[in-house]
């Protein structure tokens, strides 16, 4: 966001946001969704929403998880671990899935 800061000059408000307005402020969800729709359409991609992006990111993180600790870290940025397991179990590598199943068995004992 260095260029945006320079262009905004003294009107820039630093909030350390990943996505921000031209002045560094928080982007309203409806504005983000509109901008995303325009970019996706312009690129010629199929319709994609911010919720779809979130789901895709979570699926990719789950697919790359190699141990239970990583799965817990993913859970910290979203849903509870139980909800994540139900929603994204299809994306887990087989080795990680086996670790989760073994861990769940230990916790029930």
PDB file of N, CA and C in Angstrom:
ATOM      1  N   UNK A   1       0.804  -1.199   0.000  1.00  0.00           N
ATOM      2  CA  UNK A   1       0.000   0.000   0.000  1.00  0.00           C
ATOM      3  C   UNK A   1       0.843   1.259   0.000  1.00  0.00           C
ATOM      4  N   UNK A   2       2.086   1.145  -0.321  1.00  0.00           N
ATOM      5  CA  UNK A   2       2.950   2.312  -0.332  1.00  0.00           C
ATOM      6  C   UNK A   2       2.499   3.390  -1.297  1.00  0.00           C
ATOM      7  N   UNK A   3       2.096   2.985  -2.524  1.00  0.00           N
ATOM      8  CA  UNK A   3       1.637   3.963  -3.510  1.00  0.00           C
ATOM      9  C   UNK A   3       0.386   4.682  -3.037  1.00  0.00           C
ATOM     10  N   UNK A   4      -0.535   3.918  -2.434  1.00  0.00           N
ATOM     11  CA  UNK A   4      -1.773   4.529  -1.938  1.00  0.00           C
ATOM     12  C   UNK A   4      -1.476   5.565  -0.867  1.00  0.00           C
ATOM     13  N   UNK A   5      -0.543   5.256   0.004  1.00  0.00           N
ATOM     14  CA  UNK A   5      -0.168   6.206   1.067  1.00  0.00           C
ATOM     15  C   UNK A   5       0.366   7.505   0.486  1.00  0.00           C
ATOM     16  N   UNK A   6       1.215   7.366  -0.518  1.00  0.00           N
ATOM     17  CA  UNK A   6       1.783   8.562  -1.142  1.00  0.00           C
ATOM     18  C   UNK A   6       0.709   9.391  -1.832  1.00  0.00           C
ATOM     19  N   UNK A   7      -0.190   8.719  -2.546  1.00  0.00           N
ATOM     20  CA  UNK A   7      -1.264   9.432  -3.249  1.00  0.00           C
ATOM     21  C   UNK A   7      -2.224  10.124  -2.278  1.00  0.00           C
ATOM     22  N   UNK A   8      -2.505   9.476  -1.140  1.00  0.00           N
ATOM     23  CA  UNK A   8      -3.444  10.050  -0.169  1.00  0.00           C
ATOM     24  C   UNK A   8      -2.818  11.220   0.584  1.00  0.00           C
ATOM     25  N   UNK A   9      -1.506  11.216   0.678  1.00  0.00           N
ATOM     26  CA  UNK A   9      -0.828  12.303   1.391  1.00  0.00           C
ATOM     27  C   UNK A   9      -1.272  12.401   2.838  1.00  0.00           C
ATOM     28  N   UNK A  10      -1.551  13.608   3.308  1.00  0.00           N
ATOM     29  CA  UNK A  10      -1.897  13.796   4.724  1.00  0.00           C
ATOM     30  C   UNK A  10      -3.271  13.234   5.109  1.00  0.00           C
ATOM     31  N   UNK A  11      -4.087  12.835   4.111  1.00  0.00           N
ATOM     32  CA  UNK A  11      -5.404  12.275   4.449  1.00  0.00           C
ATOM     33  C   UNK A  11      -5.327  10.791   4.808  1.00  0.00           C
ATOM     34  N   UNK A  12      -4.143  10.182   4.620  1.00  0.00           N
ATOM     35  CA  UNK A  12      -3.977   8.751   4.914  1.00  0.00           C
ATOM     36  C   UNK A  12      -4.101   8.494   6.408  1.00  0.00           C
ATOM     37  N   UNK A  13      -4.880   7.489   6.765  1.00  0.00           N
ATOM     38  CA  UNK A  13      -5.030   7.063   8.156  1.00  0.00           C
ATOM     39  C   UNK A  13      -4.465   5.649   8.237  1.00  0.00           C
ATOM     40  N   UNK A  14      -3.384   5.486   8.959  1.00  0.00           N
ATOM     41  CA  UNK A  14      -2.741   4.176   9.036  1.00  0.00           C
ATOM     42  C   UNK A  14      -3.425   3.288  10.064  1.00  0.00           C
ATOM     43  N   UNK A  15      -4.055   2.234   9.566  1.00  0.00           N
ATOM     44  CA  UNK A  15      -4.705   1.259  10.446  1.00  0.00           C
ATOM     45  C   UNK A  15      -4.154  -0.141  10.215  1.00  0.00           C
ATOM     46  N   UNK A  16      -3.092  -0.240   9.422  1.00  0.00           N
ATOM     47  CA  UNK A  16      -2.431  -1.516   9.129  1.00  0.00           C
ATOM     48  C   UNK A  16      -3.412  -2.558   8.582  1.00  0.00           C
ATOM     49  N   UNK A  17      -4.285  -2.145   7.690  1.00  0.00           N
ATOM     50  CA  UNK A  17      -5.263  -3.037   7.081  1.00  0.00           C
ATOM     51  C   UNK A  17      -4.702  -3.673   5.821  1.00  0.00           C
ATOM     52  N   UNK A  18      -5.128  -4.868   5.528  1.00  0.00           N
ATOM     53  CA  UNK A  18      -4.711  -5.541   4.297  1.00  0.00           C
ATOM     54  C   UNK A  18      -5.467  -4.959   3.109  1.00  0.00           C
ATOM     55  N   UNK A  19      -6.752  -4.706   3.302  1.00  0.00           N
ATOM     56  CA  UNK A  19      -7.590  -4.080   2.284  1.00  0.00           C
ATOM     57  C   UNK A  19      -8.116  -2.790   2.889  1.00  0.00           C
ATOM     58  N   UNK A  20      -7.894  -1.680   2.195  1.00  0.00           N
ATOM     59  CA  UNK A  20      -8.292  -0.391   2.743  1.00  0.00           C
ATOM     60  C   UNK A  20      -8.805   0.518   1.628  1.00  0.00           C
ATOM     61  N   UNK A  21      -9.485   1.585   2.031  1.00  0.00           N
ATOM     62  CA  UNK A  21      -9.914   2.604   1.074  1.00  0.00           C
ATOM     63  C   UNK A  21      -8.694   3.398   0.622  1.00  0.00           C
ATOM     64  N   UNK A  22      -8.909   4.351  -0.261  1.00  0.00           N
ATOM     65  CA  UNK A  22      -7.802   5.180  -0.756  1.00  0.00           C
ATOM     66  C   UNK A  22      -7.177   6.036   0.340  1.00  0.00           C
ATOM     67  N   UNK A  23      -7.887   6.191   1.461  1.00  0.00           N
ATOM     68  CA  UNK A  23      -7.351   6.974   2.579  1.00  0.00           C
ATOM     69  C   UNK A  23      -6.900   6.090   3.740  1.00  0.00           C
ATOM     70  N   UNK A  24      -6.895   4.766   3.532  1.00  0.00           N
ATOM     71  CA  UNK A  24      -6.430   3.848   4.567  1.00  0.00           C
ATOM     72  C   UNK A  24      -7.502   3.412   5.549  1.00  0.00           C
ATOM     73  N   UNK A  25      -8.741   3.771   5.279  1.00  0.00           N
ATOM     74  CA  UNK A  25      -9.843   3.417   6.180  1.00  0.00           C
ATOM     75  C   UNK A  25     -10.356   2.007   5.895  1.00  0.00           C
ATOM     76  N   UNK A  26     -11.158   1.494   6.813  1.00  0.00           N
ATOM     77  CA  UNK A  26     -11.793   0.189   6.668  1.00  0.00           C
ATOM     78  C   UNK A  26     -12.760   0.212   5.485  1.00  0.00           C
ATOM     79  N   UNK A  27     -12.728  -0.828   4.666  1.00  0.00           N
ATOM     80  CA  UNK A  27     -13.630  -0.947   3.527  1.00  0.00           C
ATOM     81  C   UNK A  27     -14.929  -1.591   4.010  1.00  0.00           C
ATOM     82  N   UNK A  28     -16.042  -0.996   3.679  1.00  0.00           N
ATOM     83  CA  UNK A  28     -17.339  -1.580   4.040  1.00  0.00           C
ATOM     84  C   UNK A  28     -17.550  -2.870   3.255  1.00  0.00           C
ATOM     85  N   UNK A  29     -18.153  -3.885   3.889  1.00  0.00           N
ATOM     86  CA  UNK A  29     -18.352  -5.176   3.202  1.00  0.00           C
ATOM     87  C   UNK A  29     -19.054  -5.037   1.847  1.00  0.00           C
ATOM     88  N   UNK A  30     -20.093  -4.225   1.757  1.00  0.00           N
ATOM     89  CA  UNK A  30     -20.808  -4.114   0.479  1.00  0.00           C
ATOM     90  C   UNK A  30     -19.911  -3.481  -0.593  1.00  0.00           C
ATOM     91  N   UNK A  31     -19.050  -2.564  -0.201  1.00  0.00           N
ATOM     92  CA  UNK A  31     -18.124  -1.949  -1.154  1.00  0.00           C
ATOM     93  C   UNK A  31     -17.086  -2.964  -1.623  1.00  0.00           C
ATOM     94  N   UNK A  32     -16.598  -3.778  -0.693  1.00  0.00           N
ATOM     95  CA  UNK A  32     -15.638  -4.825  -1.030  1.00  0.00           C
ATOM     96  C   UNK A  32     -16.269  -5.815  -2.000  1.00  0.00           C
ATOM     97  N   UNK A  33     -17.515  -6.227  -1.707  1.00  0.00           N
ATOM     98  CA  UNK A  33     -18.186  -7.194  -2.561  1.00  0.00           C
ATOM     99  C   UNK A  33     -18.421  -6.637  -3.966  1.00  0.00           C
ATOM    100  N   UNK A  34     -18.779  -5.356  -4.048  1.00  0.00           N
ATOM    101  CA  UNK A  34     -18.979  -4.730  -5.362  1.00  0.00           C
ATOM    102  C   UNK A  34     -17.669  -4.685  -6.144  1.00  0.00           C
ATOM    103  N   UNK A  35     -16.605  -4.269  -5.476  1.00  0.00           N
ATOM    104  CA  UNK A  35     -15.302  -4.189  -6.146  1.00  0.00           C
ATOM    105  C   UNK A  35     -14.832  -5.577  -6.586  1.00  0.00           C
ATOM    106  N   UNK A  36     -15.024  -6.574  -5.743  1.00  0.00           N
ATOM    107  CA  UNK A  36     -14.642  -7.944  -6.085  1.00  0.00           C
ATOM    108  C   UNK A  36     -15.434  -8.418  -7.302  1.00  0.00           C
ATOM    109  N   UNK A  37     -16.733  -8.154  -7.316  1.00  0.00           N
ATOM    110  CA  UNK A  37     -17.574  -8.570  -8.452  1.00  0.00           C
ATOM    111  C   UNK A  37     -17.086  -7.929  -9.755  1.00  0.00           C
ATOM    112  N   UNK A  38     -16.723  -6.662  -9.694  1.00  0.00           N
ATOM    113  CA  UNK A  38     -16.221  -5.974 -10.888  1.00  0.00           C
ATOM    114  C   UNK A  38     -14.905  -6.590 -11.377  1.00  0.00           C
ATOM    115  N   UNK A  39     -13.993  -6.871 -10.445  1.00  0.00           N
ATOM    116  CA  UNK A  39     -12.703  -7.458 -10.809  1.00  0.00           C
ATOM    117  C   UNK A  39     -12.859  -8.855 -11.391  1.00  0.00           C
ATOM    118  N   UNK A  40     -13.719  -9.650 -10.771  1.00  0.00           N
ATOM    119  CA  UNK A  40     -13.949 -11.021 -11.238  1.00  0.00           C
ATOM    120  C   UNK A  40     -14.571 -10.990 -12.630  1.00  0.00           C
ATOM    121  N   UNK A  41     -15.559 -10.111 -12.816  1.00  0.00           N
ATOM    122  CA  UNK A  41     -16.219  -9.987 -14.119  1.00  0.00           C
ATOM    123  C   UNK A  41     -15.223  -9.525 -15.186  1.00  0.00           C
ATOM    124  N   UNK A  42     -14.435  -8.515 -14.861  1.00  0.00           N
ATOM    125  CA  UNK A  42     -13.449  -7.971 -15.806  1.00  0.00           C
ATOM    126  C   UNK A  42     -12.421  -9.030 -16.206  1.00  0.00           C
ATOM    127  N   UNK A  43     -12.054  -9.885 -15.249  1.00  0.00           N
ATOM    128  CA  UNK A  43     -11.076 -10.939 -15.523  1.00  0.00           C
ATOM    129  C   UNK A  43     -11.690 -12.106 -16.293  1.00  0.00           C
ATOM    130  N   UNK A  44     -13.037 -12.130 -16.376  1.00  0.00           N
ATOM    131  CA  UNK A  44     -13.699 -13.212 -17.095  1.00  0.00           C
ATOM    132  C   UNK A  44     -13.826 -14.492 -16.292  1.00  0.00           C
ATOM    133  N   UNK A  45     -13.682 -14.397 -14.972  1.00  0.00           N
ATOM    134  CA  UNK A  45     -13.817 -15.574 -14.112  1.00  0.00           C
ATOM    135  C   UNK A  45     -15.280 -15.827 -13.776  1.00  0.00           C
ATOM    136  N   UNK A  46     -15.607 -17.047 -13.365  1.00  0.00           N
ATOM    137  CA  UNK A  46     -16.970 -17.297 -12.899  1.00  0.00           C
ATOM    138  C   UNK A  46     -17.251 -16.482 -11.632  1.00  0.00           C
ATOM    139  N   UNK A  47     -18.515 -16.246 -11.349  1.00  0.00           N
ATOM    140  CA  UNK A  47     -18.913 -15.461 -10.170  1.00  0.00           C
ATOM    141  C   UNK A  47     -18.212 -15.985  -8.916  1.00  0.00           C
ATOM    142  N   UNK A  48     -17.691 -15.065  -8.117  1.00  0.00           N
ATOM    143  CA  UNK A  48     -17.018 -15.412  -6.870  1.00  0.00           C
ATOM    144  C   UNK A  48     -17.337 -14.341  -5.848  1.00  0.00           C
ATOM    145  N   UNK A  49     -17.758 -14.775  -4.666  1.00  0.00           N
ATOM    146  CA  UNK A  49     -18.089 -13.841  -3.593  1.00  0.00           C
ATOM    147  C   UNK A  49     -16.990 -13.835  -2.553  1.00  0.00           C
ATOM    148  N   UNK A  50     -17.058 -12.876  -1.628  1.00  0.00           N
ATOM    149  CA  UNK A  50     -16.071 -12.851  -0.546  1.00  0.00           C
ATOM    150  C   UNK A  50     -16.207 -14.109   0.312  1.00  0.00           C
ATOM    151  N   UNK A  51     -17.427 -14.605   0.486  1.00  0.00           N
ATOM    152  CA  UNK A  51     -17.614 -15.859   1.233  1.00  0.00           C
ATOM    153  C   UNK A  51     -16.954 -17.010   0.483  1.00  0.00           C
ATOM    154  N   UNK A  52     -17.076 -17.012  -0.842  1.00  0.00           N
ATOM    155  CA  UNK A  52     -16.427 -18.043  -1.644  1.00  0.00           C
ATOM    156  C   UNK A  52     -14.916 -17.981  -1.528  1.00  0.00           C
ATOM    157  N   UNK A  53     -14.372 -16.766  -1.484  1.00  0.00           N
ATOM    158  CA  UNK A  53     -12.927 -16.613  -1.288  1.00  0.00           C
ATOM    159  C   UNK A  53     -12.499 -17.173   0.061  1.00  0.00           C
ATOM    160  N   UNK A  54     -13.288 -16.877   1.092  1.00  0.00           N
ATOM    161  CA  UNK A  54     -12.980 -17.366   2.441  1.00  0.00           C
ATOM    162  C   UNK A  54     -12.996 -18.892   2.473  1.00  0.00           C
ATOM    163  N   UNK A  55     -14.004 -19.481   1.833  1.00  0.00           N
ATOM    164  CA  UNK A  55     -14.122 -20.937   1.791  1.00  0.00           C
ATOM    165  C   UNK A  55     -12.941 -21.544   1.024  1.00  0.00           C
ATOM    166  N   UNK A  56     -12.576 -20.925  -0.080  1.00  0.00           N
ATOM    167  CA  UNK A  56     -11.448 -21.416  -0.872  1.00  0.00           C
ATOM    168  C   UNK A  56     -10.150 -21.340  -0.071  1.00  0.00           C
ATOM    169  N   UNK A  57      -9.944 -20.231   0.631  1.00  0.00           N
ATOM    170  CA  UNK A  57      -8.735 -20.088   1.451  1.00  0.00           C
ATOM    171  C   UNK A  57      -8.683 -21.153   2.539  1.00  0.00           C
ATOM    172  N   UNK A  58      -9.813 -21.369   3.215  1.00  0.00           N
ATOM    173  CA  UNK A  58      -9.847 -22.386   4.282  1.00  0.00           C
ATOM    174  C   UNK A  58      -9.590 -23.780   3.717  1.00  0.00           C
ATOM    175  N   UNK A  59     -10.177 -24.076   2.574  1.00  0.00           N
ATOM    176  CA  UNK A  59      -9.961 -25.382   1.937  1.00  0.00           C
ATOM    177  C   UNK A  59      -8.491 -25.574   1.601  1.00  0.00           C
ATOM    178  N   UNK A  60      -7.848 -24.549   1.054  1.00  0.00           N
ATOM    179  CA  UNK A  60      -6.435 -24.648   0.707  1.00  0.00           C
ATOM    180  C   UNK A  60      -5.557 -24.803   1.953  1.00  0.00           C
ATOM    181  N   UNK A  61      -5.896 -24.064   3.016  1.00  0.00           N
ATOM    182  CA  UNK A  61      -5.123 -24.202   4.261  1.00  0.00           C
ATOM    183  C   UNK A  61      -5.270 -25.612   4.817  1.00  0.00           C
ATOM    184  N   UNK A  62      -6.490 -26.146   4.801  1.00  0.00           N
ATOM    185  CA  UNK A  62      -6.708 -27.502   5.290  1.00  0.00           C
ATOM    186  C   UNK A  62      -5.956 -28.512   4.451  1.00  0.00           C
ATOM    187  N   UNK A  63      -5.994 -28.331   3.143  1.00  0.00           N
ATOM    188  CA  UNK A  63      -5.323 -29.271   2.248  1.00  0.00           C
ATOM    189  C   UNK A  63      -3.817 -29.287   2.482  1.00  0.00           C
ATOM    190  N   UNK A  64      -3.259 -28.163   2.933  1.00  0.00           N
ATOM    191  CA  UNK A  64      -1.828 -28.089   3.172  1.00  0.00           C
ATOM    192  C   UNK A  64      -1.405 -28.411   4.599  1.00  0.00           C
ATOM    193  N   UNK A  65      -2.377 -28.652   5.475  1.00  0.00           N
ATOM    194  CA  UNK A  65      -2.046 -28.931   6.883  1.00  0.00           C
ATOM    195  C   UNK A  65      -1.357 -30.281   7.008  1.00  0.00           C
ATOM    196  N   UNK A  66      -0.287 -30.301   7.783  1.00  0.00           N
ATOM    197  CA  UNK A  66       0.458 -31.557   7.949  1.00  0.00           C
ATOM    198  C   UNK A  66       0.350 -32.140   9.356  1.00  0.00           C
ATOM    199  N   UNK A  67      -0.236 -31.383  10.276  1.00  0.00           N
ATOM    200  CA  UNK A  67      -0.404 -31.928  11.622  1.00  0.00           C
ATOM    201  C   UNK A  67      -1.557 -31.227  12.337  1.00  0.00           C
ATOM    202  N   UNK A  68      -1.903 -31.736  13.492  1.00  0.00           N
ATOM    203  CA  UNK A  68      -3.041 -31.223  14.260  1.00  0.00           C
ATOM    204  C   UNK A  68      -2.796 -29.778  14.705  1.00  0.00           C
ATOM    205  N   UNK A  69      -1.563 -29.439  15.016  1.00  0.00           N
ATOM    206  CA  UNK A  69      -1.241 -28.074  15.430  1.00  0.00           C
ATOM    207  C   UNK A  69      -1.607 -27.056  14.353  1.00  0.00           C
ATOM    208  N   UNK A  70      -1.327 -27.394  13.114  1.00  0.00           N
ATOM    209  CA  UNK A  70      -1.689 -26.492  12.018  1.00  0.00           C
ATOM    210  C   UNK A  70      -3.207 -26.373  11.888  1.00  0.00           C
ATOM    211  N   UNK A  71      -3.915 -27.469  12.090  1.00  0.00           N
ATOM    212  CA  UNK A  71      -5.382 -27.420  12.016  1.00  0.00           C
ATOM    213  C   UNK A  71      -5.946 -26.529  13.121  1.00  0.00           C
ATOM    214  N   UNK A  72      -5.351 -26.611  14.312  1.00  0.00           N
ATOM    215  CA  UNK A  72      -5.802 -25.739  15.406  1.00  0.00           C
ATOM    216  C   UNK A  72      -5.525 -24.272  15.089  1.00  0.00           C
ATOM    217  N   UNK A  73      -4.386 -23.996  14.470  1.00  0.00           N
ATOM    218  CA  UNK A  73      -4.061 -22.620  14.083  1.00  0.00           C
ATOM    219  C   UNK A  73      -5.058 -22.096  13.055  1.00  0.00           C
ATOM    220  N   UNK A  74      -5.469 -22.936  12.124  1.00  0.00           N
ATOM    221  CA  UNK A  74      -6.477 -22.548  11.139  1.00  0.00           C
ATOM    222  C   UNK A  74      -7.798 -22.264  11.845  1.00  0.00           C
ATOM    223  N   UNK A  75      -8.131 -23.089  12.824  1.00  0.00           N
ATOM    224  CA  UNK A  75      -9.377 -22.895  13.579  1.00  0.00           C
ATOM    225  C   UNK A  75      -9.371 -21.559  14.317  1.00  0.00           C
ATOM    226  N   UNK A  76      -8.215 -21.116  14.754  1.00  0.00           N
ATOM    227  CA  UNK A  76      -8.112 -19.848  15.490  1.00  0.00           C
ATOM    228  C   UNK A  76      -8.532 -18.634  14.659  1.00  0.00           C
ATOM    229  N   UNK A  77      -8.494 -18.753  13.347  1.00  0.00           N
ATOM    230  CA  UNK A  77      -8.870 -17.611  12.504  1.00  0.00           C
ATOM    231  C   UNK A  77     -10.285 -17.738  11.947  1.00  0.00           C
ATOM    232  N   UNK A  78     -11.029 -18.726  12.391  1.00  0.00           N
ATOM    233  CA  UNK A  78     -12.374 -18.903  11.846  1.00  0.00           C
ATOM    234  C   UNK A  78     -13.306 -19.599  12.806  1.00  0.00           C
ATOM    235  N   UNK A  79     -13.768 -20.766  12.394  1.00  0.00           N
ATOM    236  CA  UNK A  79     -14.738 -21.527  13.162  1.00  0.00           C
ATOM    237  C   UNK A  79     -14.061 -22.378  14.231  1.00  0.00           C
ATOM    238  N   UNK A  80     -14.865 -23.014  15.072  1.00  0.00           N
ATOM    239  CA  UNK A  80     -14.343 -23.941  16.071  1.00  0.00           C
ATOM    240  C   UNK A  80     -13.715 -25.139  15.355  1.00  0.00           C
ATOM    241  N   UNK A  81     -12.792 -25.834  16.033  1.00  0.00           N
ATOM    242  CA  UNK A  81     -12.165 -26.999  15.389  1.00  0.00           C
ATOM    243  C   UNK A  81     -13.182 -28.046  14.939  1.00  0.00           C
ATOM    244  N   UNK A  82     -14.224 -28.295  15.738  1.00  0.00           N
ATOM    245  CA  UNK A  82     -15.225 -29.299  15.353  1.00  0.00           C
ATOM    246  C   UNK A  82     -15.941 -28.891  14.067  1.00  0.00           C
ATOM    247  N   UNK A  83     -16.323 -27.616  13.985  1.00  0.00           N
ATOM    248  CA  UNK A  83     -17.014 -27.133  12.785  1.00  0.00           C
ATOM    249  C   UNK A  83     -16.100 -27.225  11.573  1.00  0.00           C
ATOM    250  N   UNK A  84     -14.844 -26.853  11.748  1.00  0.00           N
ATOM    251  CA  UNK A  84     -13.904 -26.931  10.632  1.00  0.00           C
ATOM    252  C   UNK A  84     -13.735 -28.357  10.140  1.00  0.00           C
ATOM    253  N   UNK A  85     -13.642 -29.290  11.078  1.00  0.00           N
ATOM    254  CA  UNK A  85     -13.465 -30.693  10.690  1.00  0.00           C
ATOM    255  C   UNK A  85     -14.651 -31.161   9.849  1.00  0.00           C
ATOM    256  N   UNK A  86     -15.845 -30.770  10.246  1.00  0.00           N
ATOM    257  CA  UNK A  86     -17.039 -31.188   9.501  1.00  0.00           C
ATOM    258  C   UNK A  86     -17.085 -30.539   8.123  1.00  0.00           C
ATOM    259  N   UNK A  87     -16.703 -29.255   8.047  1.00  0.00           N
ATOM    260  CA  UNK A  87     -16.820 -28.522   6.788  1.00  0.00           C
ATOM    261  C   UNK A  87     -15.704 -28.840   5.799  1.00  0.00           C
ATOM    262  N   UNK A  88     -14.499 -29.087   6.305  1.00  0.00           N
ATOM    263  CA  UNK A  88     -13.347 -29.187   5.403  1.00  0.00           C
ATOM    264  C   UNK A  88     -12.627 -30.525   5.458  1.00  0.00           C
ATOM    265  N   UNK A  89     -13.220 -31.524   6.072  1.00  0.00           N
ATOM    266  CA  UNK A  89     -12.561 -32.828   6.169  1.00  0.00           C
ATOM    267  C   UNK A  89     -12.220 -33.391   4.795  1.00  0.00           C
ATOM    268  N   UNK A  90     -13.041 -33.094   3.798  1.00  0.00           N
ATOM    269  CA  UNK A  90     -12.792 -33.585   2.443  1.00  0.00           C
ATOM    270  C   UNK A  90     -11.473 -33.069   1.872  1.00  0.00           C
ATOM    271  N   UNK A  91     -10.978 -31.981   2.403  1.00  0.00           N
ATOM    272  CA  UNK A  91      -9.760 -31.373   1.865  1.00  0.00           C
ATOM    273  C   UNK A  91      -8.505 -31.823   2.593  1.00  0.00           C
ATOM    274  N   UNK A  92      -8.665 -32.507   3.721  1.00  0.00           N
ATOM    275  CA  UNK A  92      -7.489 -32.903   4.506  1.00  0.00           C
ATOM    276  C   UNK A  92      -6.710 -34.016   3.826  1.00  0.00           C
ATOM    277  N   UNK A  93      -5.397 -33.888   3.834  1.00  0.00           N
ATOM    278  CA  UNK A  93      -4.586 -35.007   3.340  1.00  0.00           C
ATOM    279  C   UNK A  93      -4.854 -36.242   4.199  1.00  0.00           C
ATOM    280  N   UNK A  94      -4.734 -37.409   3.621  1.00  0.00           N
ATOM    281  CA  UNK A  94      -5.051 -38.647   4.329  1.00  0.00           C
ATOM    282  C   UNK A  94      -4.215 -38.814   5.603  1.00  0.00           C
ATOM    283  N   UNK A  95      -2.952 -38.427   5.575  1.00  0.00           N
ATOM    284  CA  UNK A  95      -2.088 -38.581   6.751  1.00  0.00           C
ATOM    285  C   UNK A  95      -2.566 -37.695   7.899  1.00  0.00           C
ATOM    286  N   UNK A  96      -2.999 -36.473   7.586  1.00  0.00           N
ATOM    287  CA  UNK A  96      -3.496 -35.573   8.623  1.00  0.00           C
ATOM    288  C   UNK A  96      -4.823 -36.075   9.159  1.00  0.00           C
ATOM    289  N   UNK A  97      -5.670 -36.584   8.283  1.00  0.00           N
ATOM    290  CA  UNK A  97      -6.959 -37.126   8.699  1.00  0.00           C
ATOM    291  C   UNK A  97      -6.762 -38.266   9.691  1.00  0.00           C
ATOM    292  N   UNK A  98      -5.769 -39.112   9.451  1.00  0.00           N
ATOM    293  CA  UNK A  98      -5.481 -40.221  10.364  1.00  0.00           C
ATOM    294  C   UNK A  98      -5.031 -39.695  11.724  1.00  0.00           C
ATOM    295  N   UNK A  99      -4.224 -38.630  11.743  1.00  0.00           N
ATOM    296  CA  UNK A  99      -3.786 -38.029  13.009  1.00  0.00           C
ATOM    297  C   UNK A  99      -4.975 -37.473  13.791  1.00  0.00           C
ATOM    298  N   UNK A 100      -5.894 -36.812  13.088  1.00  0.00           N
ATOM    299  CA  UNK A 100      -7.070 -36.233  13.740  1.00  0.00           C
ATOM    300  C   UNK A 100      -7.939 -37.332  14.328  1.00  0.00           C
ATOM    301  N   UNK A 101      -8.151 -38.400  13.573  1.00  0.00           N
ATOM    302  CA  UNK A 101      -8.965 -39.517  14.049  1.00  0.00           C
ATOM    303  C   UNK A 101      -8.327 -40.149  15.281  1.00  0.00           C
ATOM    304  N   UNK A 102      -7.011 -40.337  15.254  1.00  0.00           N
ATOM    305  CA  UNK A 102      -6.308 -40.917  16.408  1.00  0.00           C
ATOM    306  C   UNK A 102      -6.405 -39.991  17.609  1.00  0.00           C
ATOM    307  N   UNK A 103      -6.247 -38.698  17.402  1.00  0.00           N
ATOM    308  CA  UNK A 103      -6.325 -37.719  18.481  1.00  0.00           C
ATOM    309  C   UNK A 103      -7.720 -37.692  19.099  1.00  0.00           C
ATOM    310  N   UNK A 104      -8.744 -37.771  18.270  1.00  0.00           N
ATOM    311  CA  UNK A 104     -10.126 -37.758  18.771  1.00  0.00           C
ATOM    312  C   UNK A 104     -10.379 -38.989  19.633  1.00  0.00           C
ATOM    313  N   UNK A 105      -9.811 -40.130  19.230  1.00  0.00           N
ATOM    314  CA  UNK A 105      -9.961 -41.349  20.011  1.00  0.00           C
ATOM    315  C   UNK A 105      -9.290 -41.246  21.360  1.00  0.00           C
ATOM    316  N   UNK A 106      -8.131 -40.592  21.427  1.00  0.00           N
ATOM    317  CA  UNK A 106      -7.416 -40.393  22.688  1.00  0.00           C
ATOM    318  C   UNK A 106      -8.203 -39.483  23.618  1.00  0.00           C
ATOM    319  N   UNK A 107      -8.841 -38.462  23.086  1.00  0.00           N
ATOM    320  CA  UNK A 107      -9.581 -37.497  23.902  1.00  0.00           C
ATOM    321  C   UNK A 107     -10.841 -38.123  24.502  1.00  0.00           C
ATOM    322  N   UNK A 108     -11.429 -39.118  23.820  1.00  0.00           N
ATOM    323  CA  UNK A 108     -12.636 -39.736  24.330  1.00  0.00           C
ATOM    324  C   UNK A 108     -12.348 -40.766  25.404  1.00  0.00           C
ATOM    325  N   UNK A 109     -11.117 -41.256  25.489  1.00  0.00           N
ATOM    326  CA  UNK A 109     -10.752 -42.282  26.482  1.00  0.00           C
ATOM    327  C   UNK A 109     -10.715 -41.726  27.872  1.00  0.00           C
TER     328      UNK A 109
END
